[in-house]
Full PDB file with SEQRES, HELIX, SHEET, SSBOND, CRYST1, ORIGX, SCALE, CONECT and MASTER records, all heavy atoms in Angstrom:
SEQRES   1 A   35  GLY GLN TYR ASP LYS ALA ARG GLU TYR GLN GLU LYS ALA          
SEQRES   2 A   35  LEU ALA ILE GLN LYS GLU ILE GLY ASP ARG ASP GLY GLU          
SEQRES   3 A   35  ALA THR SER TYR GLY ASP LEU GLY THR                          
HELIX    1 AA1 TYR A    3  ILE A   20  1                                  18    
HELIX    2 AA2 ARG A   23  GLY A   34  1                                  12    
CRYST1    1.000    1.000    1.000  90.00  90.00  90.00 P 1           1          
ORIGX1      1.000000  0.000000  0.000000        0.00000                         
ORIGX2      0.000000  1.000000  0.000000        0.00000                         
ORIGX3      0.000000  0.000000  1.000000        0.00000                         
SCALE1      1.000000  0.000000  0.000000        0.00000                         
SCALE2      0.000000  1.000000  0.000000        0.00000                         
SCALE3      0.000000  0.000000  1.000000        0.00000                         
ATOM      1  N   GLY A   1     -15.252   3.841  -6.071  1.00  0.00           N  
ATOM      2  CA  GLY A   1     -15.263   2.907  -7.192  1.00  0.00           C  
ATOM      3  C   GLY A   1     -14.161   3.142  -8.206  1.00  0.00           C  
ATOM      4  O   GLY A   1     -14.167   2.559  -9.287  1.00  0.00           O  
ATOM      5  N   GLN A   2     -13.166   3.993  -7.830  1.00  0.00           N  
ATOM      6  CA  GLN A   2     -12.046   4.290  -8.745  1.00  0.00           C  
ATOM      7  C   GLN A   2     -10.898   3.325  -8.408  1.00  0.00           C  
ATOM      8  O   GLN A   2      -9.894   3.698  -7.781  1.00  0.00           O  
ATOM      9  CB  GLN A   2     -11.632   5.757  -8.608  1.00  0.00           C  
ATOM     10  CG  GLN A   2     -12.756   6.724  -8.966  1.00  0.00           C  
ATOM     11  CD  GLN A   2     -12.344   8.179  -8.832  1.00  0.00           C  
ATOM     12  OE1 GLN A   2     -11.174   8.537  -8.975  1.00  0.00           O  
ATOM     13  NE2 GLN A   2     -13.318   9.040  -8.570  1.00  0.00           N  
ATOM     14  N   TYR A   3     -11.044   2.088  -8.851  1.00  0.00           N  
ATOM     15  CA  TYR A   3     -10.167   1.021  -8.385  1.00  0.00           C  
ATOM     16  C   TYR A   3      -8.737   1.129  -8.918  1.00  0.00           C  
ATOM     17  O   TYR A   3      -7.790   0.796  -8.201  1.00  0.00           O  
ATOM     18  CB  TYR A   3     -10.785  -0.336  -8.737  1.00  0.00           C  
ATOM     19  CG  TYR A   3     -12.127  -0.526  -8.082  1.00  0.00           C  
ATOM     20  CD1 TYR A   3     -13.302  -0.588  -8.835  1.00  0.00           C  
ATOM     21  CD2 TYR A   3     -12.241  -0.612  -6.692  1.00  0.00           C  
ATOM     22  CE1 TYR A   3     -14.542  -0.740  -8.227  1.00  0.00           C  
ATOM     23  CE2 TYR A   3     -13.480  -0.759  -6.076  1.00  0.00           C  
ATOM     24  CZ  TYR A   3     -14.619  -0.819  -6.846  1.00  0.00           C  
ATOM     25  OH  TYR A   3     -15.846  -0.960  -6.236  1.00  0.00           O  
ATOM     26  N   ASP A   4      -8.581   1.597 -10.168  1.00  0.00           N  
ATOM     27  CA  ASP A   4      -7.223   1.739 -10.708  1.00  0.00           C  
ATOM     28  C   ASP A   4      -6.433   2.784  -9.920  1.00  0.00           C  
ATOM     29  O   ASP A   4      -5.254   2.587  -9.598  1.00  0.00           O  
ATOM     30  CB  ASP A   4      -7.266   2.126 -12.196  1.00  0.00           C  
ATOM     31  CG  ASP A   4      -7.720   0.960 -13.059  1.00  0.00           C  
ATOM     32  OD1 ASP A   4      -7.574  -0.195 -12.604  1.00  0.00           O  
ATOM     33  OD2 ASP A   4      -8.218   1.198 -14.172  1.00  0.00           O  
ATOM     34  N   LYS A   5      -7.100   3.908  -9.604  1.00  0.00           N  
ATOM     35  CA  LYS A   5      -6.458   4.972  -8.823  1.00  0.00           C  
ATOM     36  C   LYS A   5      -6.184   4.484  -7.402  1.00  0.00           C  
ATOM     37  O   LYS A   5      -5.138   4.762  -6.812  1.00  0.00           O  
ATOM     38  CB  LYS A   5      -7.345   6.214  -8.770  1.00  0.00           C  
ATOM     39  CG  LYS A   5      -7.059   7.240  -9.852  1.00  0.00           C  
ATOM     40  CD  LYS A   5      -5.722   7.951  -9.563  1.00  0.00           C  
ATOM     41  CE  LYS A   5      -5.456   9.039 -10.590  1.00  0.00           C  
ATOM     42  NZ  LYS A   5      -4.097   9.612 -10.449  1.00  0.00           N  
ATOM     43  N   ALA A   6      -7.145   3.762  -6.835  1.00  0.00           N  
ATOM     44  CA  ALA A   6      -6.981   3.232  -5.479  1.00  0.00           C  
ATOM     45  C   ALA A   6      -5.755   2.328  -5.419  1.00  0.00           C  
ATOM     46  O   ALA A   6      -4.931   2.431  -4.499  1.00  0.00           O  
ATOM     47  CB  ALA A   6      -8.224   2.463  -5.059  1.00  0.00           C  
ATOM     48  N   ARG A   7      -5.631   1.452  -6.421  1.00  0.00           N  
ATOM     49  CA  ARG A   7      -4.478   0.542  -6.486  1.00  0.00           C  
ATOM     50  C   ARG A   7      -3.169   1.334  -6.593  1.00  0.00           C  
ATOM     51  O   ARG A   7      -2.182   1.025  -5.918  1.00  0.00           O  
ATOM     52  CB  ARG A   7      -4.633  -0.396  -7.679  1.00  0.00           C  
ATOM     53  CG  ARG A   7      -3.441  -1.302  -7.900  1.00  0.00           C  
ATOM     54  CD  ARG A   7      -3.660  -2.226  -9.079  1.00  0.00           C  
ATOM     55  NE  ARG A   7      -2.486  -3.030  -9.342  1.00  0.00           N  
ATOM     56  CZ  ARG A   7      -2.411  -3.969 -10.278  1.00  0.00           C  
ATOM     57  NH1 ARG A   7      -3.481  -4.235 -11.028  1.00  0.00           N  
ATOM     58  NH2 ARG A   7      -1.309  -4.654 -10.467  1.00  0.00           N  
ATOM     59  N   GLU A   8      -3.177   2.364  -7.448  1.00  0.00           N  
ATOM     60  CA  GLU A   8      -1.982   3.192  -7.649  1.00  0.00           C  
ATOM     61  C   GLU A   8      -1.506   3.807  -6.323  1.00  0.00           C  
ATOM     62  O   GLU A   8      -0.325   3.773  -5.990  1.00  0.00           O  
ATOM     63  CB  GLU A   8      -2.291   4.307  -8.654  1.00  0.00           C  
ATOM     64  CG  GLU A   8      -1.128   5.276  -8.890  1.00  0.00           C  
ATOM     65  CD  GLU A   8      -1.548   6.487  -9.709  1.00  0.00           C  
ATOM     66  OE1 GLU A   8      -2.545   6.385 -10.478  1.00  0.00           O  
ATOM     67  OE2 GLU A   8      -0.912   7.548  -9.576  1.00  0.00           O  
ATOM     68  N   TYR A   9      -2.462   4.368  -5.554  1.00  0.00           N  
ATOM     69  CA  TYR A   9      -2.093   5.025  -4.298  1.00  0.00           C  
ATOM     70  C   TYR A   9      -1.653   4.011  -3.236  1.00  0.00           C  
ATOM     71  O   TYR A   9      -0.712   4.267  -2.474  1.00  0.00           O  
ATOM     72  CB  TYR A   9      -3.254   5.876  -3.778  1.00  0.00           C  
ATOM     73  CG  TYR A   9      -3.361   7.201  -4.498  1.00  0.00           C  
ATOM     74  CD1 TYR A   9      -4.464   7.512  -5.290  1.00  0.00           C  
ATOM     75  CD2 TYR A   9      -2.361   8.150  -4.387  1.00  0.00           C  
ATOM     76  CE1 TYR A   9      -4.561   8.724  -5.961  1.00  0.00           C  
ATOM     77  CE2 TYR A   9      -2.441   9.368  -5.041  1.00  0.00           C  
ATOM     78  CZ  TYR A   9      -3.547   9.654  -5.828  1.00  0.00           C  
ATOM     79  OH  TYR A   9      -3.630  10.859  -6.485  1.00  0.00           O  
ATOM     80  N   GLN A  10      -2.322   2.867  -3.181  1.00  0.00           N  
ATOM     81  CA  GLN A  10      -1.911   1.853  -2.205  1.00  0.00           C  
ATOM     82  C   GLN A  10      -0.510   1.329  -2.529  1.00  0.00           C  
ATOM     83  O   GLN A  10       0.278   1.044  -1.618  1.00  0.00           O  
ATOM     84  CB  GLN A  10      -2.921   0.690  -2.169  1.00  0.00           C  
ATOM     85  CG  GLN A  10      -4.306   1.056  -1.673  1.00  0.00           C  
ATOM     86  CD  GLN A  10      -4.343   1.458  -0.200  1.00  0.00           C  
ATOM     87  OE1 GLN A  10      -3.325   1.515   0.463  1.00  0.00           O  
ATOM     88  NE2 GLN A  10      -5.532   1.776   0.295  1.00  0.00           N  
ATOM     89  N   GLU A  11      -0.201   1.211  -3.835  1.00  0.00           N  
ATOM     90  CA  GLU A  11       1.138   0.750  -4.220  1.00  0.00           C  
ATOM     91  C   GLU A  11       2.205   1.803  -3.893  1.00  0.00           C  
ATOM     92  O   GLU A  11       3.327   1.460  -3.518  1.00  0.00           O  
ATOM     93  CB  GLU A  11       1.157   0.392  -5.710  1.00  0.00           C  
ATOM     94  CG  GLU A  11       0.424  -0.926  -5.981  1.00  0.00           C  
ATOM     95  CD  GLU A  11       0.326  -1.275  -7.464  1.00  0.00           C  
ATOM     96  OE1 GLU A  11       0.524  -0.369  -8.305  1.00  0.00           O  
ATOM     97  OE2 GLU A  11       0.032  -2.451  -7.781  1.00  0.00           O  
ATOM     98  N   LYS A  12       1.839   3.081  -4.009  1.00  0.00           N  
ATOM     99  CA  LYS A  12       2.777   4.142  -3.618  1.00  0.00           C  
ATOM    100  C   LYS A  12       3.033   4.090  -2.114  1.00  0.00           C  
ATOM    101  O   LYS A  12       4.172   4.256  -1.659  1.00  0.00           O  
ATOM    102  CB  LYS A  12       2.213   5.514  -4.007  1.00  0.00           C  
ATOM    103  CG  LYS A  12       2.332   5.834  -5.490  1.00  0.00           C  
ATOM    104  CD  LYS A  12       1.812   7.234  -5.791  1.00  0.00           C  
ATOM    105  CE  LYS A  12       1.995   7.574  -7.276  1.00  0.00           C  
ATOM    106  NZ  LYS A  12       1.500   8.927  -7.609  1.00  0.00           N  
ATOM    107  N   ALA A  13       1.967   3.886  -1.343  1.00  0.00           N  
ATOM    108  CA  ALA A  13       2.114   3.773   0.117  1.00  0.00           C  
ATOM    109  C   ALA A  13       3.039   2.608   0.458  1.00  0.00           C  
ATOM    110  O   ALA A  13       3.963   2.732   1.265  1.00  0.00           O  
ATOM    111  CB  ALA A  13       0.755   3.577   0.779  1.00  0.00           C  
ATOM    112  N   LEU A  14       2.807   1.463  -0.189  1.00  0.00           N  
ATOM    113  CA  LEU A  14       3.606   0.267   0.065  1.00  0.00           C  
ATOM    114  C   LEU A  14       5.079   0.491  -0.268  1.00  0.00           C  
ATOM    115  O   LEU A  14       5.969   0.095   0.498  1.00  0.00           O  
ATOM    116  CB  LEU A  14       3.049  -0.899  -0.748  1.00  0.00           C  
ATOM    117  CG  LEU A  14       3.796  -2.232  -0.642  1.00  0.00           C  
ATOM    118  CD1 LEU A  14       3.791  -2.737   0.799  1.00  0.00           C  
ATOM    119  CD2 LEU A  14       3.165  -3.272  -1.575  1.00  0.00           C  
ATOM    120  N   ALA A  15       5.347   1.158  -1.387  1.00  0.00           N  
ATOM    121  CA  ALA A  15       6.734   1.408  -1.809  1.00  0.00           C  
ATOM    122  C   ALA A  15       7.478   2.236  -0.763  1.00  0.00           C  
ATOM    123  O   ALA A  15       8.636   1.950  -0.430  1.00  0.00           O  
ATOM    124  CB  ALA A  15       6.745   2.120  -3.163  1.00  0.00           C  
ATOM    125  N   ILE A  16       6.812   3.268  -0.243  1.00  0.00           N  
ATOM    126  CA  ILE A  16       7.452   4.120   0.770  1.00  0.00           C  
ATOM    127  C   ILE A  16       7.667   3.340   2.065  1.00  0.00           C  
ATOM    128  O   ILE A  16       8.731   3.425   2.695  1.00  0.00           O  
ATOM    129  CB  ILE A  16       6.610   5.393   1.043  1.00  0.00           C  
ATOM    130  CG1 ILE A  16       6.557   6.276  -0.206  1.00  0.00           C  
ATOM    131  CG2 ILE A  16       7.201   6.190   2.215  1.00  0.00           C  
ATOM    132  CD1 ILE A  16       5.577   7.442  -0.107  1.00  0.00           C  
ATOM    133  N   GLN A  17       6.668   2.568   2.470  1.00  0.00           N  
ATOM    134  CA  GLN A  17       6.789   1.802   3.714  1.00  0.00           C  
ATOM    135  C   GLN A  17       7.931   0.786   3.641  1.00  0.00           C  
ATOM    136  O   GLN A  17       8.657   0.580   4.622  1.00  0.00           O  
ATOM    137  CB  GLN A  17       5.455   1.115   4.022  1.00  0.00           C  
ATOM    138  CG  GLN A  17       4.410   2.100   4.544  1.00  0.00           C  
ATOM    139  CD  GLN A  17       2.985   1.710   4.221  1.00  0.00           C  
ATOM    140  OE1 GLN A  17       2.737   0.728   3.526  1.00  0.00           O  
ATOM    141  NE2 GLN A  17       2.031   2.483   4.710  1.00  0.00           N  
ATOM    142  N   LYS A  18       8.119   0.180   2.478  1.00  0.00           N  
ATOM    143  CA  LYS A  18       9.247  -0.741   2.300  1.00  0.00           C  
ATOM    144  C   LYS A  18      10.566   0.022   2.338  1.00  0.00           C  
ATOM    145  O   LYS A  18      11.543  -0.428   2.938  1.00  0.00           O  
ATOM    146  CB  LYS A  18       9.099  -1.503   0.978  1.00  0.00           C  
ATOM    147  CG  LYS A  18       7.938  -2.490   0.987  1.00  0.00           C  
ATOM    148  CD  LYS A  18       7.662  -3.043  -0.392  1.00  0.00           C  
ATOM    149  CE  LYS A  18       8.372  -4.344  -0.646  1.00  0.00           C  
ATOM    150  NZ  LYS A  18       7.906  -4.999  -1.882  1.00  0.00           N  
ATOM    151  N   GLU A  19      10.569   1.205   1.727  1.00  0.00           N  
ATOM    152  CA  GLU A  19      11.779   2.037   1.666  1.00  0.00           C  
ATOM    153  C   GLU A  19      12.229   2.473   3.065  1.00  0.00           C  
ATOM    154  O   GLU A  19      13.427   2.450   3.370  1.00  0.00           O  
ATOM    155  CB  GLU A  19      11.490   3.273   0.806  1.00  0.00           C  
ATOM    156  CG  GLU A  19      12.599   4.307   0.764  1.00  0.00           C  
ATOM    157  CD  GLU A  19      12.090   5.658   0.257  1.00  0.00           C  
ATOM    158  OE1 GLU A  19      11.244   5.674  -0.653  1.00  0.00           O  
ATOM    159  OE2 GLU A  19      12.538   6.696   0.787  1.00  0.00           O  
ATOM    160  N   ILE A  20      11.263   2.870   3.918  1.00  0.00           N  
ATOM    161  CA  ILE A  20      11.630   3.385   5.244  1.00  0.00           C  
ATOM    162  C   ILE A  20      11.621   2.293   6.326  1.00  0.00           C  
ATOM    163  O   ILE A  20      11.904   2.562   7.491  1.00  0.00           O  
ATOM    164  CB  ILE A  20      10.706   4.548   5.678  1.00  0.00           C  
ATOM    165  CG1 ILE A  20       9.243   4.083   5.849  1.00  0.00           C  
ATOM    166  CG2 ILE A  20      10.774   5.690   4.688  1.00  0.00           C  
ATOM    167  CD1 ILE A  20       8.291   5.165   6.320  1.00  0.00           C  
ATOM    168  N   GLY A  21      11.305   1.056   5.929  1.00  0.00           N  
ATOM    169  CA  GLY A  21      11.357  -0.065   6.872  1.00  0.00           C  
ATOM    170  C   GLY A  21      10.195  -0.125   7.837  1.00  0.00           C  
ATOM    171  O   GLY A  21      10.326  -0.653   8.948  1.00  0.00           O  
ATOM    172  N   ASP A  22       9.042   0.402   7.429  1.00  0.00           N  
ATOM    173  CA  ASP A  22       7.839   0.383   8.279  1.00  0.00           C  
ATOM    174  C   ASP A  22       7.093  -0.928   8.041  1.00  0.00           C  
ATOM    175  O   ASP A  22       6.201  -1.006   7.206  1.00  0.00           O  
ATOM    176  CB  ASP A  22       6.955   1.594   7.956  1.00  0.00           C  
ATOM    177  CG  ASP A  22       5.664   1.619   8.777  1.00  0.00           C  
ATOM    178  OD1 ASP A  22       5.503   0.752   9.659  1.00  0.00           O  
ATOM    179  OD2 ASP A  22       4.835   2.506   8.534  1.00  0.00           O  
ATOM    180  N   ARG A  23       7.442  -1.971   8.790  1.00  0.00           N  
ATOM    181  CA  ARG A  23       6.870  -3.298   8.566  1.00  0.00           C  
ATOM    182  C   ARG A  23       5.381  -3.338   8.922  1.00  0.00           C  
ATOM    183  O   ARG A  23       4.597  -4.026   8.253  1.00  0.00           O  
ATOM    184  CB  ARG A  23       7.632  -4.341   9.401  1.00  0.00           C  
ATOM    185  CG  ARG A  23       9.091  -4.487   9.004  1.00  0.00           C  
ATOM    186  CD  ARG A  23       9.234  -5.193   7.672  1.00  0.00           C  
ATOM    187  NE  ARG A  23       9.066  -6.627   7.810  1.00  0.00           N  
ATOM    188  CZ  ARG A  23       8.859  -7.458   6.791  1.00  0.00           C  
ATOM    189  NH1 ARG A  23       8.775  -6.990   5.557  1.00  0.00           N  
ATOM    190  NH2 ARG A  23       8.731  -8.751   6.992  1.00  0.00           N  
ATOM    191  N   ASP A  24       5.015  -2.600   9.965  1.00  0.00           N  
ATOM    192  CA  ASP A  24       3.606  -2.559  10.366  1.00  0.00           C  
ATOM    193  C   ASP A  24       2.760  -1.921   9.262  1.00  0.00           C  
ATOM    194  O   ASP A  24       1.714  -2.438   8.868  1.00  0.00           O  
ATOM    195  CB  ASP A  24       3.481  -1.766  11.664  1.00  0.00           C  
ATOM    196  CG  ASP A  24       2.090  -1.835  12.258  1.00  0.00           C  
ATOM    197  OD1 ASP A  24       1.534  -2.940  12.305  1.00  0.00           O  
ATOM    198  OD2 ASP A  24       1.569  -0.788  12.666  1.00  0.00           O  
ATOM    199  N   GLY A  25       3.239  -0.794   8.734  1.00  0.00           N  
ATOM    200  CA  GLY A  25       2.532  -0.112   7.648  1.00  0.00           C  
ATOM    201  C   GLY A  25       2.517  -0.951   6.383  1.00  0.00           C  
ATOM    202  O   GLY A  25       1.521  -0.949   5.632  1.00  0.00           O  
ATOM    203  N   GLU A  26       3.608  -1.663   6.148  1.00  0.00           N  
ATOM    204  CA  GLU A  26       3.698  -2.526   4.960  1.00  0.00           C  
ATOM    205  C   GLU A  26       2.622  -3.605   5.015  1.00  0.00           C  
ATOM    206  O   GLU A  26       1.945  -3.870   4.013  1.00  0.00           O  
ATOM    207  CB  GLU A  26       5.096  -3.179   4.948  1.00  0.00           C  
ATOM    208  CG  GLU A  26       5.454  -3.858   3.650  1.00  0.00           C  
ATOM    209  CD  GLU A  26       6.857  -4.474   3.694  1.00  0.00           C  
ATOM    210  OE1 GLU A  26       7.716  -3.992   4.465  1.00  0.00           O  
ATOM    211  OE2 GLU A  26       7.078  -5.429   2.939  1.00  0.00           O  
ATOM    212  N   ALA A  27       2.449  -4.187   6.207  1.00  0.00           N  
ATOM    213  CA  ALA A  27       1.407  -5.208   6.367  1.00  0.00           C  
ATOM    214  C   ALA A  27       0.021  -4.645   6.091  1.00  0.00           C  
ATOM    215  O   ALA A  27      -0.809  -5.286   5.431  1.00  0.00           O  
ATOM    216  CB  ALA A  27       1.464  -5.774   7.789  1.00  0.00           C  
ATOM    217  N   THR A  28      -0.219  -3.407   6.585  1.00  0.00           N  
ATOM    218  CA  THR A  28      -1.523  -2.760   6.350  1.00  0.00           C  
ATOM    219  C   THR A  28      -1.753  -2.540   4.861  1.00  0.00           C  
ATOM    220  O   THR A  28      -2.854  -2.776   4.352  1.00  0.00           O  
ATOM    221  CB  THR A  28      -1.585  -1.412   7.098  1.00  0.00           C  
ATOM    222  OG1 THR A  28      -1.388  -1.633   8.493  1.00  0.00           O  
ATOM    223  CG2 THR A  28      -2.927  -0.717   6.876  1.00  0.00           C  
ATOM    224  N   SER A  29      -0.715  -2.090   4.161  1.00  0.00           N  
ATOM    225  CA  SER A  29      -0.848  -1.839   2.722  1.00  0.00           C  
ATOM    226  C   SER A  29      -1.116  -3.110   1.937  1.00  0.00           C  
ATOM    227  O   SER A  29      -1.919  -3.113   1.007  1.00  0.00           O  
ATOM    228  CB  SER A  29       0.411  -1.143   2.183  1.00  0.00           C  
ATOM    229  OG  SER A  29       0.451   0.202   2.609  1.00  0.00           O  
ATOM    230  N   TYR A  30      -0.448  -4.211   2.319  1.00  0.00           N  
ATOM    231  CA  TYR A  30      -0.736  -5.484   1.657  1.00  0.00           C  
ATOM    232  C   TYR A  30      -2.208  -5.854   1.862  1.00  0.00           C  
ATOM    233  O   TYR A  30      -2.873  -6.338   0.935  1.00  0.00           O  
ATOM    234  CB  TYR A  30       0.178  -6.586   2.196  1.00  0.00           C  
ATOM    235  CG  TYR A  30       1.569  -6.595   1.605  1.00  0.00           C  
ATOM    236  CD1 TYR A  30       2.695  -6.563   2.417  1.00  0.00           C  
ATOM    237  CD2 TYR A  30       1.763  -6.651   0.214  1.00  0.00           C  
ATOM    238  CE1 TYR A  30       3.983  -6.589   1.881  1.00  0.00           C  
ATOM    239  CE2 TYR A  30       3.047  -6.667  -0.330  1.00  0.00           C  
ATOM    240  CZ  TYR A  30       4.151  -6.634   0.502  1.00  0.00           C  
ATOM    241  OH  TYR A  30       5.420  -6.645  -0.029  1.00  0.00           O  
ATOM    242  N   GLY A  31      -2.680  -5.651   3.076  1.00  0.00           N  
ATOM    243  CA  GLY A  31      -4.087  -5.955   3.370  1.00  0.00           C  
ATOM    244  C   GLY A  31      -5.037  -5.087   2.554  1.00  0.00           C  
ATOM    245  O   GLY A  31      -6.036  -5.582   2.010  1.00  0.00           O  
ATOM    246  N   ASP A  32      -4.716  -3.786   2.464  1.00  0.00           N  
ATOM    247  CA  ASP A  32      -5.552  -2.871   1.679  1.00  0.00           C  
ATOM    248  C   ASP A  32      -5.548  -3.256   0.205  1.00  0.00           C  
ATOM    249  O   ASP A  32      -6.597  -3.213  -0.462  1.00  0.00           O  
ATOM    250  CB  ASP A  32      -5.042  -1.432   1.835  1.00  0.00           C  
ATOM    251  CG  ASP A  32      -5.315  -0.869   3.223  1.00  0.00           C  
ATOM    252  OD1 ASP A  32      -6.211  -1.388   3.908  1.00  0.00           O  
ATOM    253  OD2 ASP A  32      -4.624   0.084   3.621  1.00  0.00           O  
ATOM    254  N   LEU A  33      -4.386  -3.628  -0.311  1.00  0.00           N  
ATOM    255  CA  LEU A  33      -4.303  -4.051  -1.721  1.00  0.00           C  
ATOM    256  C   LEU A  33      -5.087  -5.353  -1.933  1.00  0.00           C  
ATOM    257  O   LEU A  33      -5.742  -5.523  -2.964  1.00  0.00           O  
ATOM    258  CB  LEU A  33      -2.844  -4.228  -2.129  1.00  0.00           C  
ATOM    259  CG  LEU A  33      -2.123  -2.927  -2.536  1.00  0.00           C  
ATOM    260  CD1 LEU A  33      -0.628  -3.121  -2.531  1.00  0.00           C  
ATOM    261  CD2 LEU A  33      -2.582  -2.495  -3.930  1.00  0.00           C  
ATOM    262  N   GLY A  34      -5.024  -6.251  -0.954  1.00  0.00           N  
ATOM    263  CA  GLY A  34      -5.781  -7.491  -1.057  1.00  0.00           C  
ATOM    264  C   GLY A  34      -7.282  -7.206  -1.140  1.00  0.00           C  
ATOM    265  O   GLY A  34      -8.002  -7.809  -1.930  1.00  0.00           O  
ATOM    266  N   THR A  35      -7.739  -6.271  -0.317  1.00  0.00           N  
ATOM    267  CA  THR A  35      -9.144  -5.880  -0.318  1.00  0.00           C  
ATOM    268  C   THR A  35      -9.537  -5.277  -1.657  1.00  0.00           C  
ATOM    269  O   THR A  35     -10.615  -5.557  -2.206  1.00  0.00           O  
ATOM    270  CB  THR A  35      -9.419  -4.857   0.798  1.00  0.00           C  
ATOM    271  OG1 THR A  35      -9.014  -5.437   2.039  1.00  0.00           O  
ATOM    272  CG2 THR A  35     -10.886  -4.484   0.887  1.00  0.00           C  
TER     273      THR A  35                                                      
MASTER        0    0    0    2    0    0    0    6  272    1    0    3          
END                                                                             
C-alpha cells in the first residue's frame, strides 16, 4: 500500500530500461505504472 514509493521505483526501472534500450522491459514498466 506504499503507492508513492511503488511509483518512484517503477519510474526508476522505466528510466533505466529506456536508457539501455530494453523495449520489452519498458513495456512491462508502463504496464506496472498503469496498474
